[in-house]
Amino acid sequence: LAQQERLAFQLQPLASSSVITDMAQTGNSLVAVGER
């Protein structure tokens, strides 16, 4: 339950609209990181 609550808090449907600070290309993908 604790893991699910933590995951539910972090995995947000609007995460791609939250603050994003950087991106990097890897293979055929892009990886982005940001707040929280």
PDB file of all heavy atoms in Angstrom:
ATOM      1  N   LEU A   1       0.828  -1.204   0.000  1.00  0.00           N
ATOM      2  CA  LEU A   1       0.000   0.000   0.000  1.00  0.00           C
ATOM      3  C   LEU A   1       0.864   1.256   0.000  1.00  0.00           C
ATOM      4  O   LEU A   1       0.592   2.206  -0.719  1.00  0.00           O
ATOM      5  CB  LEU A   1      -0.917  -0.017   1.223  1.00  0.00           C
ATOM      6  CG  LEU A   1      -1.898   1.161   1.349  1.00  0.00           C
ATOM      7  CD1 LEU A   1      -2.831   1.205   0.141  1.00  0.00           C
ATOM      8  CD2 LEU A   1      -2.694   1.053   2.639  1.00  0.00           C
ATOM      9  N   ALA A   2       1.951   1.217   0.801  1.00  0.00           N
ATOM     10  CA  ALA A   2       2.860   2.366   0.848  1.00  0.00           C
ATOM     11  C   ALA A   2       3.493   2.610  -0.508  1.00  0.00           C
ATOM     12  O   ALA A   2       3.607   3.749  -0.961  1.00  0.00           O
ATOM     13  CB  ALA A   2       3.938   2.137   1.899  1.00  0.00           C
ATOM     14  N   GLN A   3       3.893   1.537  -1.183  1.00  0.00           N
ATOM     15  CA  GLN A   3       4.490   1.666  -2.500  1.00  0.00           C
ATOM     16  C   GLN A   3       3.474   2.202  -3.507  1.00  0.00           C
ATOM     17  O   GLN A   3       3.789   3.050  -4.341  1.00  0.00           O
ATOM     18  CB  GLN A   3       5.030   0.311  -2.967  1.00  0.00           C
ATOM     19  CG  GLN A   3       6.257  -0.158  -2.203  1.00  0.00           C
ATOM     20  CD  GLN A   3       6.679  -1.560  -2.609  1.00  0.00           C
ATOM     21  OE1 GLN A   3       5.899  -2.325  -3.153  1.00  0.00           O
ATOM     22  NE2 GLN A   3       7.927  -1.877  -2.326  1.00  0.00           N
ATOM     23  N   GLN A   4       2.241   1.707  -3.404  1.00  0.00           N
ATOM     24  CA  GLN A   4       1.203   2.156  -4.322  1.00  0.00           C
ATOM     25  C   GLN A   4       0.896   3.635  -4.115  1.00  0.00           C
ATOM     26  O   GLN A   4       0.697   4.385  -5.069  1.00  0.00           O
ATOM     27  CB  GLN A   4      -0.067   1.321  -4.126  1.00  0.00           C
ATOM     28  CG  GLN A   4       0.057  -0.121  -4.635  1.00  0.00           C
ATOM     29  CD  GLN A   4      -1.183  -0.935  -4.326  1.00  0.00           C
ATOM     30  OE1 GLN A   4      -2.159  -0.422  -3.804  1.00  0.00           O
ATOM     31  NE2 GLN A   4      -1.126  -2.210  -4.650  1.00  0.00           N
ATOM     32  N   GLU A   5       0.837   4.048  -2.811  1.00  0.00           N
ATOM     33  CA  GLU A   5       0.570   5.449  -2.525  1.00  0.00           C
ATOM     34  C   GLU A   5       1.689   6.338  -3.049  1.00  0.00           C
ATOM     35  O   GLU A   5       1.454   7.408  -3.595  1.00  0.00           O
ATOM     36  CB  GLU A   5       0.406   5.645  -1.015  1.00  0.00           C
ATOM     37  CG  GLU A   5      -0.900   5.069  -0.477  1.00  0.00           C
ATOM     38  CD  GLU A   5      -0.993   5.212   1.029  1.00  0.00           C
ATOM     39  OE1 GLU A   5       0.034   5.540   1.657  1.00  0.00           O
ATOM     40  OE2 GLU A   5      -2.090   5.000   1.564  1.00  0.00           O
ATOM     41  N   ARG A   6       2.941   5.881  -2.872  1.00  0.00           N
ATOM     42  CA  ARG A   6       4.090   6.649  -3.363  1.00  0.00           C
ATOM     43  C   ARG A   6       4.041   6.752  -4.878  1.00  0.00           C
ATOM     44  O   ARG A   6       4.246   7.811  -5.456  1.00  0.00           O
ATOM     45  CB  ARG A   6       5.388   5.970  -2.932  1.00  0.00           C
ATOM     46  CG  ARG A   6       6.648   6.641  -3.484  1.00  0.00           C
ATOM     47  CD  ARG A   6       7.865   5.802  -3.140  1.00  0.00           C
ATOM     48  NE  ARG A   6       9.046   6.356  -3.767  1.00  0.00           N
ATOM     49  CZ  ARG A   6       9.857   7.243  -3.193  1.00  0.00           C
ATOM     50  NH1 ARG A   6       9.587   7.681  -1.985  1.00  0.00           N
ATOM     51  NH2 ARG A   6      10.928   7.696  -3.824  1.00  0.00           N
ATOM     52  N   LEU A   7       3.753   5.626  -5.549  1.00  0.00           N
ATOM     53  CA  LEU A   7       3.699   5.604  -7.002  1.00  0.00           C
ATOM     54  C   LEU A   7       2.559   6.468  -7.513  1.00  0.00           C
ATOM     55  O   LEU A   7       2.704   7.212  -8.484  1.00  0.00           O
ATOM     56  CB  LEU A   7       3.539   4.165  -7.487  1.00  0.00           C
ATOM     57  CG  LEU A   7       3.920   3.866  -8.930  1.00  0.00           C
ATOM     58  CD1 LEU A   7       5.397   4.171  -9.156  1.00  0.00           C
ATOM     59  CD2 LEU A   7       3.627   2.423  -9.281  1.00  0.00           C
ATOM     60  N   ALA A   8       1.404   6.386  -6.817  1.00  0.00           N
ATOM     61  CA  ALA A   8       0.248   7.178  -7.229  1.00  0.00           C
ATOM     62  C   ALA A   8       0.529   8.663  -7.081  1.00  0.00           C
ATOM     63  O   ALA A   8       0.077   9.478  -7.887  1.00  0.00           O
ATOM     64  CB  ALA A   8      -0.972   6.787  -6.390  1.00  0.00           C
ATOM     65  N   PHE A   9       1.297   9.022  -6.029  1.00  0.00           N
ATOM     66  CA  PHE A   9       1.649  10.425  -5.826  1.00  0.00           C
ATOM     67  C   PHE A   9       2.568  10.911  -6.934  1.00  0.00           C
ATOM     68  O   PHE A   9       2.448  12.027  -7.419  1.00  0.00           O
ATOM     69  CB  PHE A   9       2.329  10.595  -4.463  1.00  0.00           C
ATOM     70  CG  PHE A   9       2.881  11.976  -4.235  1.00  0.00           C
ATOM     71  CD1 PHE A   9       2.042  13.018  -3.902  1.00  0.00           C
ATOM     72  CD2 PHE A   9       4.235  12.232  -4.376  1.00  0.00           C
ATOM     73  CE1 PHE A   9       2.549  14.297  -3.695  1.00  0.00           C
ATOM     74  CE2 PHE A   9       4.748  13.504  -4.165  1.00  0.00           C
ATOM     75  CZ  PHE A   9       3.893  14.536  -3.824  1.00  0.00           C
ATOM     76  N   GLN A  10       3.500  10.054  -7.348  1.00  0.00           N
ATOM     77  CA  GLN A  10       4.508  10.479  -8.308  1.00  0.00           C
ATOM     78  C   GLN A  10       4.021  10.384  -9.742  1.00  0.00           C
ATOM     79  O   GLN A  10       4.280  11.260 -10.555  1.00  0.00           O
ATOM     80  CB  GLN A  10       5.765   9.632  -8.134  1.00  0.00           C
ATOM     81  CG  GLN A  10       6.946  10.146  -8.933  1.00  0.00           C
ATOM     82  CD  GLN A  10       8.141   9.252  -8.774  1.00  0.00           C
ATOM     83  OE1 GLN A  10       8.123   8.108  -9.218  1.00  0.00           O
ATOM     84  NE2 GLN A  10       9.189   9.751  -8.144  1.00  0.00           N
ATOM     85  N   LEU A  11       3.328   9.295 -10.076  1.00  0.00           N
ATOM     86  CA  LEU A  11       2.860   9.110 -11.449  1.00  0.00           C
ATOM     87  C   LEU A  11       1.569   9.897 -11.642  1.00  0.00           C
ATOM     88  O   LEU A  11       0.506   9.493 -11.196  1.00  0.00           O
ATOM     89  CB  LEU A  11       2.636   7.628 -11.744  1.00  0.00           C
ATOM     90  CG  LEU A  11       3.884   6.748 -11.704  1.00  0.00           C
ATOM     91  CD1 LEU A  11       3.533   5.299 -11.994  1.00  0.00           C
ATOM     92  CD2 LEU A  11       4.931   7.242 -12.689  1.00  0.00           C
ATOM     93  N   GLN A  12       1.693  11.023 -12.291  1.00  0.00           N
ATOM     94  CA  GLN A  12       0.572  11.940 -12.465  1.00  0.00           C
ATOM     95  C   GLN A  12       0.216  12.052 -13.944  1.00  0.00           C
ATOM     96  O   GLN A  12       1.103  12.097 -14.804  1.00  0.00           O
ATOM     97  CB  GLN A  12       0.937  13.327 -11.926  1.00  0.00           C
ATOM     98  CG  GLN A  12       1.269  13.344 -10.434  1.00  0.00           C
ATOM     99  CD  GLN A  12       0.058  13.085  -9.574  1.00  0.00           C
ATOM    100  OE1 GLN A  12      -1.063  13.405  -9.957  1.00  0.00           O
ATOM    101  NE2 GLN A  12       0.278  12.498  -8.410  1.00  0.00           N
ATOM    102  N   PRO A  13      -1.074  12.109 -14.250  1.00  0.00           N
ATOM    103  CA  PRO A  13      -1.481  12.204 -15.661  1.00  0.00           C
ATOM    104  C   PRO A  13      -1.005  13.482 -16.344  1.00  0.00           C
ATOM    105  O   PRO A  13      -0.897  13.522 -17.563  1.00  0.00           O
ATOM    106  CB  PRO A  13      -3.015  12.137 -15.591  1.00  0.00           C
ATOM    107  CG  PRO A  13      -3.358  12.532 -14.191  1.00  0.00           C
ATOM    108  CD  PRO A  13      -2.238  12.029 -13.345  1.00  0.00           C
ATOM    109  N   LEU A  14      -0.718  14.514 -15.554  1.00  0.00           N
ATOM    110  CA  LEU A  14      -0.282  15.787 -16.136  1.00  0.00           C
ATOM    111  C   LEU A  14       1.204  16.039 -15.908  1.00  0.00           C
ATOM    112  O   LEU A  14       1.658  17.182 -15.958  1.00  0.00           O
ATOM    113  CB  LEU A  14      -1.104  16.939 -15.548  1.00  0.00           C
ATOM    114  CG  LEU A  14      -2.613  16.895 -15.805  1.00  0.00           C
ATOM    115  CD1 LEU A  14      -3.308  18.070 -15.146  1.00  0.00           C
ATOM    116  CD2 LEU A  14      -2.911  16.870 -17.301  1.00  0.00           C
ATOM    117  N   ALA A  15       1.972  14.963 -15.669  1.00  0.00           N
ATOM    118  CA  ALA A  15       3.407  15.124 -15.403  1.00  0.00           C
ATOM    119  C   ALA A  15       4.126  15.798 -16.558  1.00  0.00           C
ATOM    120  O   ALA A  15       5.062  16.564 -16.358  1.00  0.00           O
ATOM    121  CB  ALA A  15       4.040  13.766 -15.108  1.00  0.00           C
ATOM    122  N   SER A  16       3.694  15.540 -17.779  1.00  0.00           N
ATOM    123  CA  SER A  16       4.352  16.141 -18.941  1.00  0.00           C
ATOM    124  C   SER A  16       4.081  17.632 -19.046  1.00  0.00           C
ATOM    125  O   SER A  16       4.708  18.327 -19.849  1.00  0.00           O
ATOM    126  CB  SER A  16       3.902  15.443 -20.229  1.00  0.00           C
ATOM    127  OG  SER A  16       2.512  15.608 -20.434  1.00  0.00           O
ATOM    128  N   SER A  17       3.143  18.129 -18.219  1.00  0.00           N
ATOM    129  CA  SER A  17       2.855  19.564 -18.188  1.00  0.00           C
ATOM    130  C   SER A  17       3.457  20.238 -16.966  1.00  0.00           C
ATOM    131  O   SER A  17       3.291  21.448 -16.772  1.00  0.00           O
ATOM    132  CB  SER A  17       1.338  19.809 -18.203  1.00  0.00           C
ATOM    133  OG  SER A  17       0.761  19.286 -19.376  1.00  0.00           O
ATOM    134  N   SER A  18       4.135  19.460 -16.126  1.00  0.00           N
ATOM    135  CA  SER A  18       4.784  20.026 -14.948  1.00  0.00           C
ATOM    136  C   SER A  18       6.169  20.538 -15.329  1.00  0.00           C
ATOM    137  O   SER A  18       6.588  20.435 -16.488  1.00  0.00           O
ATOM    138  CB  SER A  18       4.890  18.968 -13.848  1.00  0.00           C
ATOM    139  OG  SER A  18       5.733  17.904 -14.267  1.00  0.00           O
ATOM    140  N   VAL A  19       6.901  21.072 -14.358  1.00  0.00           N
ATOM    141  CA  VAL A  19       8.216  21.651 -14.651  1.00  0.00           C
ATOM    142  C   VAL A  19       9.178  20.560 -15.118  1.00  0.00           C
ATOM    143  O   VAL A  19       9.424  19.578 -14.422  1.00  0.00           O
ATOM    144  CB  VAL A  19       8.795  22.351 -13.408  1.00  0.00           C
ATOM    145  CG1 VAL A  19      10.207  22.854 -13.700  1.00  0.00           C
ATOM    146  CG2 VAL A  19       7.895  23.506 -12.982  1.00  0.00           C
ATOM    147  N   ILE A  20       9.716  20.734 -16.316  1.00  0.00           N
ATOM    148  CA  ILE A  20      10.719  19.830 -16.882  1.00  0.00           C
ATOM    149  C   ILE A  20      12.010  20.627 -17.047  1.00  0.00           C
ATOM    150  O   ILE A  20      12.012  21.711 -17.626  1.00  0.00           O
ATOM    151  CB  ILE A  20      10.278  19.260 -18.240  1.00  0.00           C
ATOM    152  CG1 ILE A  20       8.961  18.492 -18.087  1.00  0.00           C
ATOM    153  CG2 ILE A  20      11.366  18.358 -18.820  1.00  0.00           C
ATOM    154  CD1 ILE A  20       9.035  17.258 -17.226  1.00  0.00           C
ATOM    155  N   THR A  21      13.105  20.082 -16.526  1.00  0.00           N
ATOM    156  CA  THR A  21      14.355  20.839 -16.498  1.00  0.00           C
ATOM    157  C   THR A  21      15.357  20.421 -17.572  1.00  0.00           C
ATOM    158  O   THR A  21      16.208  21.220 -17.967  1.00  0.00           O
ATOM    159  CB  THR A  21      15.026  20.686 -15.130  1.00  0.00           C
ATOM    160  OG1 THR A  21      15.115  19.294 -14.811  1.00  0.00           O
ATOM    161  CG2 THR A  21      14.220  21.395 -14.057  1.00  0.00           C
ATOM    162  N   ASP A  22      15.284  19.164 -18.034  1.00  0.00           N
ATOM    163  CA  ASP A  22      16.283  18.733 -19.010  1.00  0.00           C
ATOM    164  C   ASP A  22      15.768  17.543 -19.811  1.00  0.00           C
ATOM    165  O   ASP A  22      14.856  16.822 -19.379  1.00  0.00           O
ATOM    166  CB  ASP A  22      17.591  18.367 -18.300  1.00  0.00           C
ATOM    167  CG  ASP A  22      18.754  18.224 -19.280  1.00  0.00           C
ATOM    168  OD1 ASP A  22      18.793  18.984 -20.268  1.00  0.00           O
ATOM    169  OD2 ASP A  22      19.619  17.356 -19.075  1.00  0.00           O
ATOM    170  N   MET A  23      16.389  17.345 -20.989  1.00  0.00           N
ATOM    171  CA  MET A  23      16.094  16.203 -21.850  1.00  0.00           C
ATOM    172  C   MET A  23      17.403  15.686 -22.441  1.00  0.00           C
ATOM    173  O   MET A  23      18.363  16.438 -22.607  1.00  0.00           O
ATOM    174  CB  MET A  23      15.163  16.613 -23.003  1.00  0.00           C
ATOM    175  CG  MET A  23      13.793  17.091 -22.596  1.00  0.00           C
ATOM    176  SD  MET A  23      12.785  17.559 -24.048  1.00  0.00           S
ATOM    177  CE  MET A  23      13.585  19.103 -24.523  1.00  0.00           C
ATOM    178  N   ALA A  24      17.419  14.387 -22.755  1.00  0.00           N
ATOM    179  CA  ALA A  24      18.583  13.791 -23.413  1.00  0.00           C
ATOM    180  C   ALA A  24      18.106  12.699 -24.353  1.00  0.00           C
ATOM    181  O   ALA A  24      17.106  12.025 -24.082  1.00  0.00           O
ATOM    182  CB  ALA A  24      19.561  13.220 -22.388  1.00  0.00           C
ATOM    183  N   GLN A  25      18.829  12.529 -25.448  1.00  0.00           N
ATOM    184  CA  GLN A  25      18.490  11.485 -26.410  1.00  0.00           C
ATOM    185  C   GLN A  25      19.229  10.205 -26.072  1.00  0.00           C
ATOM    186  O   GLN A  25      20.395  10.222 -25.684  1.00  0.00           O
ATOM    187  CB  GLN A  25      18.842  11.915 -27.836  1.00  0.00           C
ATOM    188  CG  GLN A  25      18.323  10.953 -28.905  1.00  0.00           C
ATOM    189  CD  GLN A  25      18.505  11.512 -30.314  1.00  0.00           C
ATOM    190  OE1 GLN A  25      19.394  12.302 -30.557  1.00  0.00           O
ATOM    191  NE2 GLN A  25      17.650  11.107 -31.230  1.00  0.00           N
ATOM    192  N   THR A  26      18.538   9.082 -26.182  1.00  0.00           N
ATOM    193  CA  THR A  26      19.147   7.778 -25.981  1.00  0.00           C
ATOM    194  C   THR A  26      18.529   6.799 -26.965  1.00  0.00           C
ATOM    195  O   THR A  26      17.332   6.528 -26.913  1.00  0.00           O
ATOM    196  CB  THR A  26      18.966   7.274 -24.542  1.00  0.00           C
ATOM    197  OG1 THR A  26      19.393   5.918 -24.459  1.00  0.00           O
ATOM    198  CG2 THR A  26      17.537   7.384 -24.065  1.00  0.00           C
ATOM    199  N   GLY A  27      19.340   6.284 -27.894  1.00  0.00           N
ATOM    200  CA  GLY A  27      18.794   5.415 -28.927  1.00  0.00           C
ATOM    201  C   GLY A  27      17.748   6.136 -29.737  1.00  0.00           C
ATOM    202  O   GLY A  27      17.989   7.235 -30.252  1.00  0.00           O
ATOM    203  N   ASN A  28      16.553   5.555 -29.817  1.00  0.00           N
ATOM    204  CA  ASN A  28      15.452   6.188 -30.537  1.00  0.00           C
ATOM    205  C   ASN A  28      14.495   6.923 -29.613  1.00  0.00           C
ATOM    206  O   ASN A  28      13.397   7.299 -30.029  1.00  0.00           O
ATOM    207  CB  ASN A  28      14.678   5.123 -31.327  1.00  0.00           C
ATOM    208  CG  ASN A  28      15.507   4.549 -32.465  1.00  0.00           C
ATOM    209  OD1 ASN A  28      16.252   5.270 -33.126  1.00  0.00           O
ATOM    210  ND2 ASN A  28      15.395   3.248 -32.683  1.00  0.00           N
ATOM    211  N   SER A  29      14.901   7.122 -28.377  1.00  0.00           N
ATOM    212  CA  SER A  29      14.020   7.745 -27.398  1.00  0.00           C
ATOM    213  C   SER A  29      14.601   9.052 -26.868  1.00  0.00           C
ATOM    214  O   SER A  29      15.804   9.303 -26.976  1.00  0.00           O
ATOM    215  CB  SER A  29      13.782   6.791 -26.216  1.00  0.00           C
ATOM    216  OG  SER A  29      13.241   5.562 -26.635  1.00  0.00           O
ATOM    217  N   LEU A  30      13.701   9.852 -26.290  1.00  0.00           N
ATOM    218  CA  LEU A  30      14.107  11.009 -25.499  1.00  0.00           C
ATOM    219  C   LEU A  30      13.733  10.728 -24.055  1.00  0.00           C
ATOM    220  O   LEU A  30      12.684  10.131 -23.774  1.00  0.00           O
ATOM    221  CB  LEU A  30      13.390  12.282 -25.959  1.00  0.00           C
ATOM    222  CG  LEU A  30      13.843  12.939 -27.260  1.00  0.00           C
ATOM    223  CD1 LEU A  30      12.980  14.176 -27.533  1.00  0.00           C
ATOM    224  CD2 LEU A  30      15.303  13.333 -27.198  1.00  0.00           C
ATOM    225  N   VAL A  31      14.574  11.159 -23.131  1.00  0.00           N
ATOM    226  CA  VAL A  31      14.279  11.036 -21.700  1.00  0.00           C
ATOM    227  C   VAL A  31      14.285  12.433 -21.103  1.00  0.00           C
ATOM    228  O   VAL A  31      15.222  13.216 -21.338  1.00  0.00           O
ATOM    229  CB  VAL A  31      15.299  10.137 -20.983  1.00  0.00           C
ATOM    230  CG1 VAL A  31      15.034  10.124 -19.480  1.00  0.00           C
ATOM    231  CG2 VAL A  31      15.247   8.720 -21.534  1.00  0.00           C
ATOM    232  N   ALA A  32      13.244  12.762 -20.353  1.00  0.00           N
ATOM    233  CA  ALA A  32      13.120  14.075 -19.723  1.00  0.00           C
ATOM    234  C   ALA A  32      13.022  13.911 -18.212  1.00  0.00           C
ATOM    235  O   ALA A  32      12.465  12.922 -17.719  1.00  0.00           O
ATOM    236  CB  ALA A  32      11.889  14.799 -20.250  1.00  0.00           C
ATOM    237  N   VAL A  33      13.553  14.896 -17.476  1.00  0.00           N
ATOM    238  CA  VAL A  33      13.475  14.868 -16.007  1.00  0.00           C
ATOM    239  C   VAL A  33      13.006  16.223 -15.508  1.00  0.00           C
ATOM    240  O   VAL A  33      13.131  17.235 -16.198  1.00  0.00           O
ATOM    241  CB  VAL A  33      14.841  14.519 -15.372  1.00  0.00           C
ATOM    242  CG1 VAL A  33      15.302  13.140 -15.821  1.00  0.00           C
ATOM    243  CG2 VAL A  33      15.906  15.573 -15.728  1.00  0.00           C
ATOM    244  N   GLY A  34      12.471  16.226 -14.267  1.00  0.00           N
ATOM    245  CA  GLY A  34      11.979  17.484 -13.740  1.00  0.00           C
ATOM    246  C   GLY A  34      11.624  17.430 -12.276  1.00  0.00           C
ATOM    247  O   GLY A  34      12.218  16.680 -11.495  1.00  0.00           O
ATOM    248  N   GLU A  35      10.621  18.230 -11.901  1.00  0.00           N
ATOM    249  CA  GLU A  35      10.259  18.375 -10.499  1.00  0.00           C
ATOM    250  C   GLU A  35       9.717  17.069  -9.926  1.00  0.00           C
ATOM    251  O   GLU A  35       9.248  16.190 -10.643  1.00  0.00           O
ATOM    252  CB  GLU A  35       9.219  19.487 -10.342  1.00  0.00           C
ATOM    253  CG  GLU A  35       7.877  19.205 -10.990  1.00  0.00           C
ATOM    254  CD  GLU A  35       6.859  20.301 -10.714  1.00  0.00           C
ATOM    255  OE1 GLU A  35       7.116  21.137  -9.824  1.00  0.00           O
ATOM    256  OE2 GLU A  35       5.809  20.304 -11.375  1.00  0.00           O
ATOM    257  N   ARG A  36       9.822  16.933  -8.588  1.00  0.00           N
ATOM    258  CA  ARG A  36       9.325  15.787  -7.837  1.00  0.00           C
ATOM    259  C   ARG A  36       9.920  14.462  -8.305  1.00  0.00           C
ATOM    260  O   ARG A  36       9.286  13.412  -8.182  1.00  0.00           O
ATOM    261  CB  ARG A  36       7.795  15.695  -7.902  1.00  0.00           C
ATOM    262  CG  ARG A  36       7.077  16.917  -7.382  1.00  0.00           C
ATOM    263  CD  ARG A  36       5.583  16.752  -7.491  1.00  0.00           C
ATOM    264  NE  ARG A  36       4.907  18.033  -7.474  1.00  0.00           N
ATOM    265  CZ  ARG A  36       3.639  18.207  -7.877  1.00  0.00           C
ATOM    266  NH1 ARG A  36       2.948  17.190  -8.344  1.00  0.00           N
ATOM    267  NH2 ARG A  36       3.097  19.400  -7.820  1.00  0.00           N
TER     268      ARG A  36
END
